[in-house]
Amino acid sequence: MNNNEQSGSASTVLQNTNIQVALKFLRDNGTLVALVILALFFTFADEAFFTPRNLTNLARQTTIVGIIAVGMTMVILINGIDLSVGSIVGLAAITVTLLMQAGVYMWLAVALTILISG
């Protein structure tokens, strides 16, 4: 084997290692990479996407789901998996909405919803 063959195989090994590192990064951080790609796409597709008003709106819309996700993470970590949380959130949302549409004062509707949903 001469020097050219050795350097060729070394560069192939280096390329394979780089590919493996990139694949491991994508496997570990695929969701984050997809989120960044989507954010870049929508930033260029619509000029109003990456504005403070829209980012605030996105943050407000995801806050409730984020709070529930943190709570569920704690429940799962202590091996107390409870799949009824989503149903209870749905029940609470519908209950408070119906009570407020019926003319019940907002804070009373919230208190009744807390009592009903347990």
PDB file of N, CA and C in Angstrom:
ATOM      1  N   MET A   1       0.849  -1.165   0.000  1.00  0.00           N
ATOM      2  CA  MET A   1       0.000   0.000   0.000  1.00  0.00           C
ATOM      3  C   MET A   1       0.899   1.234   0.000  1.00  0.00           C
ATOM      4  N   ASN A   2       0.648   2.159  -0.881  1.00  0.00           N
ATOM      5  CA  ASN A   2       1.477   3.358  -0.921  1.00  0.00           C
ATOM      6  C   ASN A   2       0.801   4.488  -0.147  1.00  0.00           C
ATOM      7  N   ASN A   3       1.468   5.633  -0.138  1.00  0.00           N
ATOM      8  CA  ASN A   3       0.964   6.766   0.650  1.00  0.00           C
ATOM      9  C   ASN A   3      -0.378   7.281   0.155  1.00  0.00           C
ATOM     10  N   ASN A   4      -0.594   7.273  -1.173  1.00  0.00           N
ATOM     11  CA  ASN A   4      -1.860   7.775  -1.712  1.00  0.00           C
ATOM     12  C   ASN A   4      -3.029   6.922  -1.254  1.00  0.00           C
ATOM     13  N   GLU A   5      -2.847   5.602  -1.235  1.00  0.00           N
ATOM     14  CA  GLU A   5      -3.925   4.715  -0.803  1.00  0.00           C
ATOM     15  C   GLU A   5      -4.220   4.901   0.676  1.00  0.00           C
ATOM     16  N   GLN A   6      -3.137   5.088   1.462  1.00  0.00           N
ATOM     17  CA  GLN A   6      -3.339   5.287   2.900  1.00  0.00           C
ATOM     18  C   GLN A   6      -4.060   6.604   3.182  1.00  0.00           C
ATOM     19  N   SER A   7      -3.666   7.668   2.487  1.00  0.00           N
ATOM     20  CA  SER A   7      -4.322   8.948   2.725  1.00  0.00           C
ATOM     21  C   SER A   7      -5.761   8.916   2.216  1.00  0.00           C
ATOM     22  N   GLY A   8      -6.018   8.151   1.147  1.00  0.00           N
ATOM     23  CA  GLY A   8      -7.377   8.002   0.640  1.00  0.00           C
ATOM     24  C   GLY A   8      -8.261   7.298   1.640  1.00  0.00           C
ATOM     25  N   SER A   9      -7.756   6.227   2.251  1.00  0.00           N
ATOM     26  CA  SER A   9      -8.566   5.514   3.231  1.00  0.00           C
ATOM     27  C   SER A   9      -8.742   6.338   4.499  1.00  0.00           C
ATOM     28  N   ALA A  10      -7.743   7.142   4.848  1.00  0.00           N
ATOM     29  CA  ALA A  10      -7.864   8.001   6.024  1.00  0.00           C
ATOM     30  C   ALA A  10      -8.930   9.069   5.798  1.00  0.00           C
ATOM     31  N   SER A  11      -8.974   9.631   4.587  1.00  0.00           N
ATOM     32  CA  SER A  11      -9.990  10.651   4.318  1.00  0.00           C
ATOM     33  C   SER A  11     -11.382  10.028   4.269  1.00  0.00           C
ATOM     34  N   THR A  12     -11.488   8.769   3.801  1.00  0.00           N
ATOM     35  CA  THR A  12     -12.775   8.075   3.791  1.00  0.00           C
ATOM     36  C   THR A  12     -13.257   7.843   5.218  1.00  0.00           C
ATOM     37  N   VAL A  13     -12.343   7.432   6.086  1.00  0.00           N
ATOM     38  CA  VAL A  13     -12.692   7.220   7.496  1.00  0.00           C
ATOM     39  C   VAL A  13     -13.120   8.539   8.126  1.00  0.00           C
ATOM     40  N   LEU A  14     -12.396   9.628   7.793  1.00  0.00           N
ATOM     41  CA  LEU A  14     -12.743  10.938   8.331  1.00  0.00           C
ATOM     42  C   LEU A  14     -14.123  11.376   7.834  1.00  0.00           C
ATOM     43  N   GLN A  15     -14.429  11.143   6.558  1.00  0.00           N
ATOM     44  CA  GLN A  15     -15.743  11.486   6.020  1.00  0.00           C
ATOM     45  C   GLN A  15     -16.836  10.665   6.700  1.00  0.00           C
ATOM     46  N   ASN A  16     -16.576   9.358   6.881  1.00  0.00           N
ATOM     47  CA  ASN A  16     -17.556   8.509   7.561  1.00  0.00           C
ATOM     48  C   ASN A  16     -17.789   8.984   8.992  1.00  0.00           C
ATOM     49  N   THR A  17     -16.713   9.399   9.669  1.00  0.00           N
ATOM     50  CA  THR A  17     -16.837   9.890  11.037  1.00  0.00           C
ATOM     51  C   THR A  17     -17.662  11.177  11.063  1.00  0.00           C
ATOM     52  N   ASN A  18     -17.403  12.075  10.107  1.00  0.00           N
ATOM     53  CA  ASN A  18     -18.178  13.324  10.043  1.00  0.00           C
ATOM     54  C   ASN A  18     -19.649  13.041   9.781  1.00  0.00           C
ATOM     55  N   ILE A  19     -19.929  12.099   8.897  1.00  0.00           N
ATOM     56  CA  ILE A  19     -21.314  11.730   8.609  1.00  0.00           C
ATOM     57  C   ILE A  19     -21.968  11.136   9.848  1.00  0.00           C
ATOM     58  N   GLN A  20     -21.232  10.292  10.559  1.00  0.00           N
ATOM     59  CA  GLN A  20     -21.781   9.679  11.771  1.00  0.00           C
ATOM     60  C   GLN A  20     -22.066  10.735  12.839  1.00  0.00           C
ATOM     61  N   VAL A  21     -21.164  11.712  12.962  1.00  0.00           N
ATOM     62  CA  VAL A  21     -21.371  12.787  13.935  1.00  0.00           C
ATOM     63  C   VAL A  21     -22.605  13.609  13.549  1.00  0.00           C
ATOM     64  N   ALA A  22     -22.745  13.918  12.253  1.00  0.00           N
ATOM     65  CA  ALA A  22     -23.904  14.687  11.792  1.00  0.00           C
ATOM     66  C   ALA A  22     -25.198  13.910  12.021  1.00  0.00           C
ATOM     67  N   LEU A  23     -25.183  12.611  11.734  1.00  0.00           N
ATOM     68  CA  LEU A  23     -26.378  11.798  11.945  1.00  0.00           C
ATOM     69  C   LEU A  23     -26.733  11.699  13.424  1.00  0.00           C
ATOM     70  N   LYS A  24     -25.728  11.581  14.275  1.00  0.00           N
ATOM     71  CA  LYS A  24     -25.980  11.529  15.720  1.00  0.00           C
ATOM     72  C   LYS A  24     -26.566  12.860  16.200  1.00  0.00           C
ATOM     73  N   PHE A  25     -26.028  13.967  15.672  1.00  0.00           N
ATOM     74  CA  PHE A  25     -26.561  15.279  16.041  1.00  0.00           C
ATOM     75  C   PHE A  25     -28.022  15.404  15.625  1.00  0.00           C
ATOM     76  N   LEU A  26     -28.340  14.971  14.397  1.00  0.00           N
ATOM     77  CA  LEU A  26     -29.726  15.033  13.930  1.00  0.00           C
ATOM     78  C   LEU A  26     -30.639  14.125  14.742  1.00  0.00           C
ATOM     79  N   ARG A  27     -30.130  12.950  15.119  1.00  0.00           N
ATOM     80  CA  ARG A  27     -30.936  12.023  15.908  1.00  0.00           C
ATOM     81  C   ARG A  27     -31.216  12.612  17.293  1.00  0.00           C
ATOM     82  N   ASP A  28     -30.211  13.262  17.880  1.00  0.00           N
ATOM     83  CA  ASP A  28     -30.372  13.820  19.222  1.00  0.00           C
ATOM     84  C   ASP A  28     -31.152  15.139  19.224  1.00  0.00           C
ATOM     85  N   ASN A  29     -31.012  15.924  18.161  1.00  0.00           N
ATOM     86  CA  ASN A  29     -31.595  17.269  18.132  1.00  0.00           C
ATOM     87  C   ASN A  29     -32.501  17.494  16.930  1.00  0.00           C
ATOM     88  N   GLY A  30     -33.102  16.439  16.427  1.00  0.00           N
ATOM     89  CA  GLY A  30     -33.920  16.538  15.221  1.00  0.00           C
ATOM     90  C   GLY A  30     -35.092  17.489  15.354  1.00  0.00           C
ATOM     91  N   THR A  31     -35.735  17.485  16.499  1.00  0.00           N
ATOM     92  CA  THR A  31     -36.890  18.361  16.705  1.00  0.00           C
ATOM     93  C   THR A  31     -36.469  19.827  16.678  1.00  0.00           C
ATOM     94  N   LEU A  32     -35.353  20.129  17.320  1.00  0.00           N
ATOM     95  CA  LEU A  32     -34.857  21.502  17.332  1.00  0.00           C
ATOM     96  C   LEU A  32     -34.453  21.950  15.930  1.00  0.00           C
ATOM     97  N   VAL A  33     -33.787  21.069  15.179  1.00  0.00           N
ATOM     98  CA  VAL A  33     -33.394  21.390  13.804  1.00  0.00           C
ATOM     99  C   VAL A  33     -34.636  21.646  12.950  1.00  0.00           C
ATOM    100  N   ALA A  34     -35.646  20.808  13.092  1.00  0.00           N
ATOM    101  CA  ALA A  34     -36.886  20.998  12.330  1.00  0.00           C
ATOM    102  C   ALA A  34     -37.554  22.319  12.707  1.00  0.00           C
ATOM    103  N   LEU A  35     -37.544  22.673  13.987  1.00  0.00           N
ATOM    104  CA  LEU A  35     -38.136  23.934  14.431  1.00  0.00           C
ATOM    105  C   LEU A  35     -37.408  25.128  13.824  1.00  0.00           C
ATOM    106  N   VAL A  36     -36.078  25.069  13.800  1.00  0.00           N
ATOM    107  CA  VAL A  36     -35.291  26.160  13.213  1.00  0.00           C
ATOM    108  C   VAL A  36     -35.566  26.269  11.716  1.00  0.00           C
ATOM    109  N   ILE A  37     -35.632  25.132  11.024  1.00  0.00           N
ATOM    110  CA  ILE A  37     -35.914  25.141   9.583  1.00  0.00           C
ATOM    111  C   ILE A  37     -37.300  25.730   9.318  1.00  0.00           C
ATOM    112  N   LEU A  38     -38.294  25.329  10.106  1.00  0.00           N
ATOM    113  CA  LEU A  38     -39.644  25.886   9.940  1.00  0.00           C
ATOM    114  C   LEU A  38     -39.677  27.391  10.215  1.00  0.00           C
ATOM    115  N   ALA A  39     -38.976  27.818  11.260  1.00  0.00           N
ATOM    116  CA  ALA A  39     -38.940  29.249  11.577  1.00  0.00           C
ATOM    117  C   ALA A  39     -38.297  30.037  10.443  1.00  0.00           C
ATOM    118  N   LEU A  40     -37.194  29.521   9.897  1.00  0.00           N
ATOM    119  CA  LEU A  40     -36.548  30.197   8.768  1.00  0.00           C
ATOM    120  C   LEU A  40     -37.460  30.229   7.550  1.00  0.00           C
ATOM    121  N   PHE A  41     -38.123  29.120   7.270  1.00  0.00           N
ATOM    122  CA  PHE A  41     -39.025  29.061   6.122  1.00  0.00           C
ATOM    123  C   PHE A  41     -40.131  30.099   6.243  1.00  0.00           C
ATOM    124  N   PHE A  42     -40.798  30.132   7.394  1.00  0.00           N
ATOM    125  CA  PHE A  42     -41.911  31.059   7.553  1.00  0.00           C
ATOM    126  C   PHE A  42     -41.448  32.507   7.660  1.00  0.00           C
ATOM    127  N   THR A  43     -40.216  32.732   8.119  1.00  0.00           N
ATOM    128  CA  THR A  43     -39.679  34.084   8.153  1.00  0.00           C
ATOM    129  C   THR A  43     -39.543  34.635   6.743  1.00  0.00           C
ATOM    130  N   PHE A  44     -39.055  33.804   5.819  1.00  0.00           N
ATOM    131  CA  PHE A  44     -38.902  34.252   4.437  1.00  0.00           C
ATOM    132  C   PHE A  44     -40.221  34.196   3.669  1.00  0.00           C
ATOM    133  N   ALA A  45     -41.122  33.305   4.039  1.00  0.00           N
ATOM    134  CA  ALA A  45     -42.391  33.166   3.322  1.00  0.00           C
ATOM    135  C   ALA A  45     -43.369  34.295   3.657  1.00  0.00           C
ATOM    136  N   ASP A  46     -43.322  34.790   4.887  1.00  0.00           N
ATOM    137  CA  ASP A  46     -44.260  35.835   5.299  1.00  0.00           C
ATOM    138  C   ASP A  46     -43.505  36.856   6.137  1.00  0.00           C
ATOM    139  N   GLU A  47     -43.501  38.085   5.693  1.00  0.00           N
ATOM    140  CA  GLU A  47     -42.727  39.119   6.380  1.00  0.00           C
ATOM    141  C   GLU A  47     -43.271  39.446   7.770  1.00  0.00           C
ATOM    142  N   ALA A  48     -44.510  39.081   8.055  1.00  0.00           N
ATOM    143  CA  ALA A  48     -45.099  39.370   9.365  1.00  0.00           C
ATOM    144  C   ALA A  48     -44.835  38.259  10.380  1.00  0.00           C
ATOM    145  N   PHE A  49     -44.157  37.179   9.973  1.00  0.00           N
ATOM    146  CA  PHE A  49     -43.981  36.051  10.888  1.00  0.00           C
ATOM    147  C   PHE A  49     -43.051  36.393  12.039  1.00  0.00           C
ATOM    148  N   PHE A  50     -41.895  36.949  11.743  1.00  0.00           N
ATOM    149  CA  PHE A  50     -40.873  37.161  12.770  1.00  0.00           C
ATOM    150  C   PHE A  50     -40.960  38.583  13.323  1.00  0.00           C
ATOM    151  N   THR A  51     -42.156  38.975  13.706  1.00  0.00           N
ATOM    152  CA  THR A  51     -42.364  40.287  14.314  1.00  0.00           C
ATOM    153  C   THR A  51     -42.656  40.090  15.799  1.00  0.00           C
ATOM    154  N   PRO A  52     -42.371  41.092  16.608  1.00  0.00           N
ATOM    155  CA  PRO A  52     -42.635  40.945  18.047  1.00  0.00           C
ATOM    156  C   PRO A  52     -44.091  40.603  18.359  1.00  0.00           C
ATOM    157  N   ARG A  53     -45.014  41.191  17.615  1.00  0.00           N
ATOM    158  CA  ARG A  53     -46.436  40.925  17.878  1.00  0.00           C
ATOM    159  C   ARG A  53     -46.780  39.459  17.617  1.00  0.00           C
ATOM    160  N   ASN A  54     -46.295  38.906  16.507  1.00  0.00           N
ATOM    161  CA  ASN A  54     -46.592  37.516  16.185  1.00  0.00           C
ATOM    162  C   ASN A  54     -45.893  36.564  17.155  1.00  0.00           C
ATOM    163  N   LEU A  55     -44.649  36.871  17.522  1.00  0.00           N
ATOM    164  CA  LEU A  55     -43.940  36.010  18.472  1.00  0.00           C
ATOM    165  C   LEU A  55     -44.626  36.022  19.836  1.00  0.00           C
ATOM    166  N   THR A  56     -45.142  37.181  20.243  1.00  0.00           N
ATOM    167  CA  THR A  56     -45.904  37.256  21.493  1.00  0.00           C
ATOM    168  C   THR A  56     -47.167  36.417  21.403  1.00  0.00           C
ATOM    169  N   ASN A  57     -47.834  36.486  20.270  1.00  0.00           N
ATOM    170  CA  ASN A  57     -49.042  35.691  20.057  1.00  0.00           C
ATOM    171  C   ASN A  57     -48.725  34.196  20.118  1.00  0.00           C
ATOM    172  N   LEU A  58     -47.637  33.779  19.482  1.00  0.00           N
ATOM    173  CA  LEU A  58     -47.241  32.367  19.534  1.00  0.00           C
ATOM    174  C   LEU A  58     -46.932  31.932  20.963  1.00  0.00           C
ATOM    175  N   ALA A  59     -46.248  32.799  21.707  1.00  0.00           N
ATOM    176  CA  ALA A  59     -45.919  32.468  23.098  1.00  0.00           C
ATOM    177  C   ALA A  59     -47.183  32.325  23.943  1.00  0.00           C
ATOM    178  N   ARG A  60     -48.139  33.210  23.738  1.00  0.00           N
ATOM    179  CA  ARG A  60     -49.394  33.131  24.496  1.00  0.00           C
ATOM    180  C   ARG A  60     -50.161  31.854  24.180  1.00  0.00           C
ATOM    181  N   GLN A  61     -50.160  31.463  22.909  1.00  0.00           N
ATOM    182  CA  GLN A  61     -50.917  30.281  22.513  1.00  0.00           C
ATOM    183  C   GLN A  61     -50.284  28.990  23.019  1.00  0.00           C
ATOM    184  N   THR A  62     -48.978  28.985  23.205  1.00  0.00           N
ATOM    185  CA  THR A  62     -48.317  27.753  23.635  1.00  0.00           C
ATOM    186  C   THR A  62     -48.092  27.679  25.144  1.00  0.00           C
ATOM    187  N   THR A  63     -48.409  28.731  25.871  1.00  0.00           N
ATOM    188  CA  THR A  63     -48.159  28.754  27.312  1.00  0.00           C
ATOM    189  C   THR A  63     -48.936  27.677  28.055  1.00  0.00           C
ATOM    190  N   ILE A  64     -50.207  27.531  27.768  1.00  0.00           N
ATOM    191  CA  ILE A  64     -51.033  26.562  28.491  1.00  0.00           C
ATOM    192  C   ILE A  64     -50.525  25.146  28.251  1.00  0.00           C
ATOM    193  N   VAL A  65     -50.248  24.834  26.992  1.00  0.00           N
ATOM    194  CA  VAL A  65     -49.739  23.497  26.673  1.00  0.00           C
ATOM    195  C   VAL A  65     -48.382  23.279  27.334  1.00  0.00           C
ATOM    196  N   GLY A  66     -47.550  24.312  27.374  1.00  0.00           N
ATOM    197  CA  GLY A  66     -46.239  24.198  28.017  1.00  0.00           C
ATOM    198  C   GLY A  66     -46.342  23.939  29.511  1.00  0.00           C
ATOM    199  N   ILE A  67     -47.244  24.627  30.177  1.00  0.00           N
ATOM    200  CA  ILE A  67     -47.434  24.421  31.618  1.00  0.00           C
ATOM    201  C   ILE A  67     -47.922  23.003  31.891  1.00  0.00           C
ATOM    202  N   ILE A  68     -48.875  22.539  31.088  1.00  0.00           N
ATOM    203  CA  ILE A  68     -49.370  21.170  31.258  1.00  0.00           C
ATOM    204  C   ILE A  68     -48.258  20.163  30.983  1.00  0.00           C
ATOM    205  N   ALA A  69     -47.432  20.439  29.973  1.00  0.00           N
ATOM    206  CA  ALA A  69     -46.336  19.524  29.638  1.00  0.00           C
ATOM    207  C   ALA A  69     -45.323  19.425  30.773  1.00  0.00           C
ATOM    208  N   VAL A  70     -45.026  20.546  31.414  1.00  0.00           N
ATOM    209  CA  VAL A  70     -44.095  20.511  32.552  1.00  0.00           C
ATOM    210  C   VAL A  70     -44.691  19.687  33.686  1.00  0.00           C
ATOM    211  N   GLY A  71     -45.967  19.905  33.972  1.00  0.00           N
ATOM    212  CA  GLY A  71     -46.625  19.116  35.021  1.00  0.00           C
ATOM    213  C   GLY A  71     -46.647  17.636  34.697  1.00  0.00           C
ATOM    214  N   MET A  72     -46.952  17.301  33.449  1.00  0.00           N
ATOM    215  CA  MET A  72     -46.984  15.891  33.040  1.00  0.00           C
ATOM    216  C   MET A  72     -45.591  15.270  33.084  1.00  0.00           C
ATOM    217  N   THR A  73     -44.565  16.062  32.776  1.00  0.00           N
ATOM    218  CA  THR A  73     -43.196  15.550  32.866  1.00  0.00           C
ATOM    219  C   THR A  73     -42.884  15.141  34.293  1.00  0.00           C
ATOM    220  N   MET A  74     -43.293  15.961  35.254  1.00  0.00           N
ATOM    221  CA  MET A  74     -43.067  15.610  36.660  1.00  0.00           C
ATOM    222  C   MET A  74     -43.821  14.335  37.033  1.00  0.00           C
ATOM    223  N   VAL A  75     -45.048  14.212  36.562  1.00  0.00           N
ATOM    224  CA  VAL A  75     -45.847  13.018  36.858  1.00  0.00           C
ATOM    225  C   VAL A  75     -45.194  11.781  36.255  1.00  0.00           C
ATOM    226  N   ILE A  76     -44.734  11.885  35.024  1.00  0.00           N
ATOM    227  CA  ILE A  76     -44.103  10.737  34.360  1.00  0.00           C
ATOM    228  C   ILE A  76     -42.798  10.369  35.052  1.00  0.00           C
ATOM    229  N   LEU A  77     -42.037  11.371  35.509  1.00  0.00           N
ATOM    230  CA  LEU A  77     -40.759  11.094  36.170  1.00  0.00           C
ATOM    231  C   LEU A  77     -40.932  10.322  37.474  1.00  0.00           C
ATOM    232  N   ILE A  78     -42.061  10.493  38.150  1.00  0.00           N
ATOM    233  CA  ILE A  78     -42.275   9.752  39.396  1.00  0.00           C
ATOM    234  C   ILE A  78     -43.101   8.491  39.161  1.00  0.00           C
ATOM    235  N   ASN A  79     -43.191   8.080  37.891  1.00  0.00           N
ATOM    236  CA  ASN A  79     -43.892   6.851  37.489  1.00  0.00           C
ATOM    237  C   ASN A  79     -45.372   6.866  37.856  1.00  0.00           C
ATOM    238  N   GLY A  80     -45.978   8.014  37.799  1.00  0.00           N
ATOM    239  CA  GLY A  80     -47.405   8.112  38.078  1.00  0.00           C
ATOM    240  C   GLY A  80     -48.144   8.557  36.829  1.00  0.00           C
ATOM    241  N   ILE A  81     -47.963   7.855  35.742  1.00  0.00           N
ATOM    242  CA  ILE A  81     -48.528   8.258  34.461  1.00  0.00           C
ATOM    243  C   ILE A  81     -50.048   8.359  34.570  1.00  0.00           C
ATOM    244  N   ASP A  82     -50.563   9.516  34.210  1.00  0.00           N
ATOM    245  CA  ASP A  82     -51.995   9.783  34.289  1.00  0.00           C
ATOM    246  C   ASP A  82     -52.449  10.343  32.949  1.00  0.00           C
ATOM    247  N   LEU A  83     -53.190   9.554  32.204  1.00  0.00           N
ATOM    248  CA  LEU A  83     -53.609   9.956  30.873  1.00  0.00           C
ATOM    249  C   LEU A  83     -54.882  10.787  30.869  1.00  0.00           C
ATOM    250  N   SER A  84     -55.472  11.020  32.026  1.00  0.00           N
ATOM    251  CA  SER A  84     -56.739  11.748  32.073  1.00  0.00           C
ATOM    252  C   SER A  84     -56.557  13.262  32.089  1.00  0.00           C
ATOM    253  N   VAL A  85     -55.327  13.738  32.134  1.00  0.00           N
ATOM    254  CA  VAL A  85     -55.092  15.182  32.230  1.00  0.00           C
ATOM    255  C   VAL A  85     -55.683  15.919  31.036  1.00  0.00           C
ATOM    256  N   GLY A  86     -55.478  15.402  29.839  1.00  0.00           N
ATOM    257  CA  GLY A  86     -56.026  16.046  28.647  1.00  0.00           C
ATOM    258  C   GLY A  86     -57.535  16.131  28.682  1.00  0.00           C
ATOM    259  N   SER A  87     -58.170  15.071  29.152  1.00  0.00           N
ATOM    260  CA  SER A  87     -59.637  15.072  29.251  1.00  0.00           C
ATOM    261  C   SER A  87     -60.122  16.094  30.269  1.00  0.00           C
ATOM    262  N   ILE A  88     -59.425  16.200  31.374  1.00  0.00           N
ATOM    263  CA  ILE A  88     -59.821  17.155  32.413  1.00  0.00           C
ATOM    264  C   ILE A  88     -59.647  18.587  31.916  1.00  0.00           C
ATOM    265  N   VAL A  89     -58.562  18.847  31.180  1.00  0.00           N
ATOM    266  CA  VAL A  89     -58.357  20.188  30.622  1.00  0.00           C
ATOM    267  C   VAL A  89     -59.483  20.523  29.646  1.00  0.00           C
ATOM    268  N   GLY A  90     -59.855  19.568  28.812  1.00  0.00           N
ATOM    269  CA  GLY A  90     -60.967  19.788  27.886  1.00  0.00           C
ATOM    270  C   GLY A  90     -62.275  20.049  28.609  1.00  0.00           C
ATOM    271  N   LEU A  91     -62.546  19.261  29.643  1.00  0.00           N
ATOM    272  CA  LEU A  91     -63.758  19.458  30.445  1.00  0.00           C
ATOM    273  C   LEU A  91     -63.767  20.839  31.088  1.00  0.00           C
ATOM    274  N   ALA A  92     -62.625  21.244  31.633  1.00  0.00           N
ATOM    275  CA  ALA A  92     -62.550  22.552  32.287  1.00  0.00           C
ATOM    276  C   ALA A  92     -62.765  23.682  31.284  1.00  0.00           C
ATOM    277  N   ALA A  93     -62.173  23.568  30.110  1.00  0.00           N
ATOM    278  CA  ALA A  93     -62.329  24.621  29.096  1.00  0.00           C
ATOM    279  C   ALA A  93     -63.779  24.747  28.651  1.00  0.00           C
ATOM    280  N   ILE A  94     -64.417  23.623  28.421  1.00  0.00           N
ATOM    281  CA  ILE A  94     -65.818  23.654  27.982  1.00  0.00           C
ATOM    282  C   ILE A  94     -66.719  24.168  29.101  1.00  0.00           C
ATOM    283  N   THR A  95     -66.460  23.731  30.329  1.00  0.00           N
ATOM    284  CA  THR A  95     -67.289  24.148  31.463  1.00  0.00           C
ATOM    285  C   THR A  95     -67.219  25.653  31.687  1.00  0.00           C
ATOM    286  N   VAL A  96     -66.013  26.202  31.738  1.00  0.00           N
ATOM    287  CA  VAL A  96     -65.882  27.637  31.995  1.00  0.00           C
ATOM    288  C   VAL A  96     -66.475  28.444  30.847  1.00  0.00           C
ATOM    289  N   THR A  97     -66.332  27.953  29.630  1.00  0.00           N
ATOM    290  CA  THR A  97     -66.909  28.658  28.479  1.00  0.00           C
ATOM    291  C   THR A  97     -68.431  28.667  28.543  1.00  0.00           C
ATOM    292  N   LEU A  98     -69.023  27.515  28.826  1.00  0.00           N
ATOM    293  CA  LEU A  98     -70.486  27.440  28.895  1.00  0.00           C
ATOM    294  C   LEU A  98     -71.040  28.284  30.038  1.00  0.00           C
ATOM    295  N   LEU A  99     -70.356  28.258  31.180  1.00  0.00           N
ATOM    296  CA  LEU A  99     -70.819  29.061  32.313  1.00  0.00           C
ATOM    297  C   LEU A  99     -70.754  30.554  31.997  1.00  0.00           C
ATOM    298  N   MET A 100     -69.671  30.991  31.368  1.00  0.00           N
ATOM    299  CA  MET A 100     -69.542  32.412  31.047  1.00  0.00           C
ATOM    300  C   MET A 100     -70.536  32.834  29.969  1.00  0.00           C
ATOM    301  N   GLN A 101     -70.823  31.941  29.012  1.00  0.00           N
ATOM    302  CA  GLN A 101     -71.831  32.256  27.995  1.00  0.00           C
ATOM    303  C   GLN A 101     -73.229  32.331  28.603  1.00  0.00           C
ATOM    304  N   ALA A 102     -73.442  31.594  29.689  1.00  0.00           N
ATOM    305  CA  ALA A 102     -74.745  31.615  30.361  1.00  0.00           C
ATOM    306  C   ALA A 102     -74.904  32.845  31.250  1.00  0.00           C
ATOM    307  N   GLY A 103     -73.873  33.686  31.322  1.00  0.00           N
ATOM    308  CA  GLY A 103     -73.975  34.921  32.082  1.00  0.00           C
ATOM    309  C   GLY A 103     -73.412  34.848  33.484  1.00  0.00           C
ATOM    310  N   VAL A 104     -72.747  33.766  33.835  1.00  0.00           N
ATOM    311  CA  VAL A 104     -72.146  33.650  35.165  1.00  0.00           C
ATOM    312  C   VAL A 104     -70.910  34.551  35.217  1.00  0.00           C
ATOM    313  N   TYR A 105     -70.738  35.246  36.331  1.00  0.00           N
ATOM    314  CA  TYR A 105     -69.580  36.100  36.542  1.00  0.00           C
ATOM    315  C   TYR A 105     -68.299  35.283  36.353  1.00  0.00           C
ATOM    316  N   MET A 106     -67.277  35.898  35.724  1.00  0.00           N
ATOM    317  CA  MET A 106     -66.082  35.167  35.317  1.00  0.00           C
ATOM    318  C   MET A 106     -65.413  34.417  36.480  1.00  0.00           C
ATOM    319  N   TRP A 107     -65.182  35.090  37.596  1.00  0.00           N
ATOM    320  CA  TRP A 107     -64.468  34.435  38.695  1.00  0.00           C
ATOM    321  C   TRP A 107     -65.304  33.322  39.328  1.00  0.00           C
ATOM    322  N   LEU A 108     -66.604  33.493  39.355  1.00  0.00           N
ATOM    323  CA  LEU A 108     -67.473  32.425  39.843  1.00  0.00           C
ATOM    324  C   LEU A 108     -67.423  31.235  38.887  1.00  0.00           C
ATOM    325  N   ALA A 109     -67.394  31.513  37.582  1.00  0.00           N
ATOM    326  CA  ALA A 109     -67.290  30.437  36.589  1.00  0.00           C
ATOM    327  C   ALA A 109     -65.978  29.673  36.751  1.00  0.00           C
ATOM    328  N   VAL A 110     -64.903  30.398  37.012  1.00  0.00           N
ATOM    329  CA  VAL A 110     -63.602  29.742  37.220  1.00  0.00           C
ATOM    330  C   VAL A 110     -63.641  28.886  38.479  1.00  0.00           C
ATOM    331  N   ALA A 111     -64.205  29.416  39.568  1.00  0.00           N
ATOM    332  CA  ALA A 111     -64.288  28.652  40.817  1.00  0.00           C
ATOM    333  C   ALA A 111     -65.141  27.402  40.646  1.00  0.00           C
ATOM    334  N   LEU A 112     -66.280  27.533  39.973  1.00  0.00           N
ATOM    335  CA  LEU A 112     -67.133  26.364  39.733  1.00  0.00           C
ATOM    336  C   LEU A 112     -66.425  25.336  38.848  1.00  0.00           C
ATOM    337  N   THR A 113     -65.677  25.812  37.875  1.00  0.00           N
ATOM    338  CA  THR A 113     -64.939  24.902  36.994  1.00  0.00           C
ATOM    339  C   THR A 113     -63.886  24.130  37.772  1.00  0.00           C
ATOM    340  N   ILE A 114     -63.207  24.805  38.689  1.00  0.00           N
ATOM    341  CA  ILE A 114     -62.208  24.116  39.516  1.00  0.00           C
ATOM    342  C   ILE A 114     -62.883  23.056  40.376  1.00  0.00           C
ATOM    343  N   LEU A 115     -64.040  23.363  40.931  1.00  0.00           N
ATOM    344  CA  LEU A 115     -64.772  22.377  41.730  1.00  0.00           C
ATOM    345  C   LEU A 115     -65.238  21.198  40.879  1.00  0.00           C
ATOM    346  N   ILE A 116     -65.729  21.479  39.682  1.00  0.00           N
ATOM    347  CA  ILE A 116     -66.246  20.413  38.821  1.00  0.00           C
ATOM    348  C   ILE A 116     -65.130  19.511  38.307  1.00  0.00           C
ATOM    349  N   SER A 117     -64.024  20.125  37.893  1.00  0.00           N
ATOM    350  CA  SER A 117     -62.958  19.317  37.279  1.00  0.00           C
ATOM    351  C   SER A 117     -62.047  18.664  38.307  1.00  0.00           C
ATOM    352  N   GLY A 118     -62.230  18.973  39.541  1.00  0.00           N
ATOM    353  CA  GLY A 118     -61.545  18.247  40.598  1.00  0.00           C
ATOM    354  C   GLY A 118     -60.204  18.771  40.910  1.00  0.00           C
TER     355      GLY A 118
END
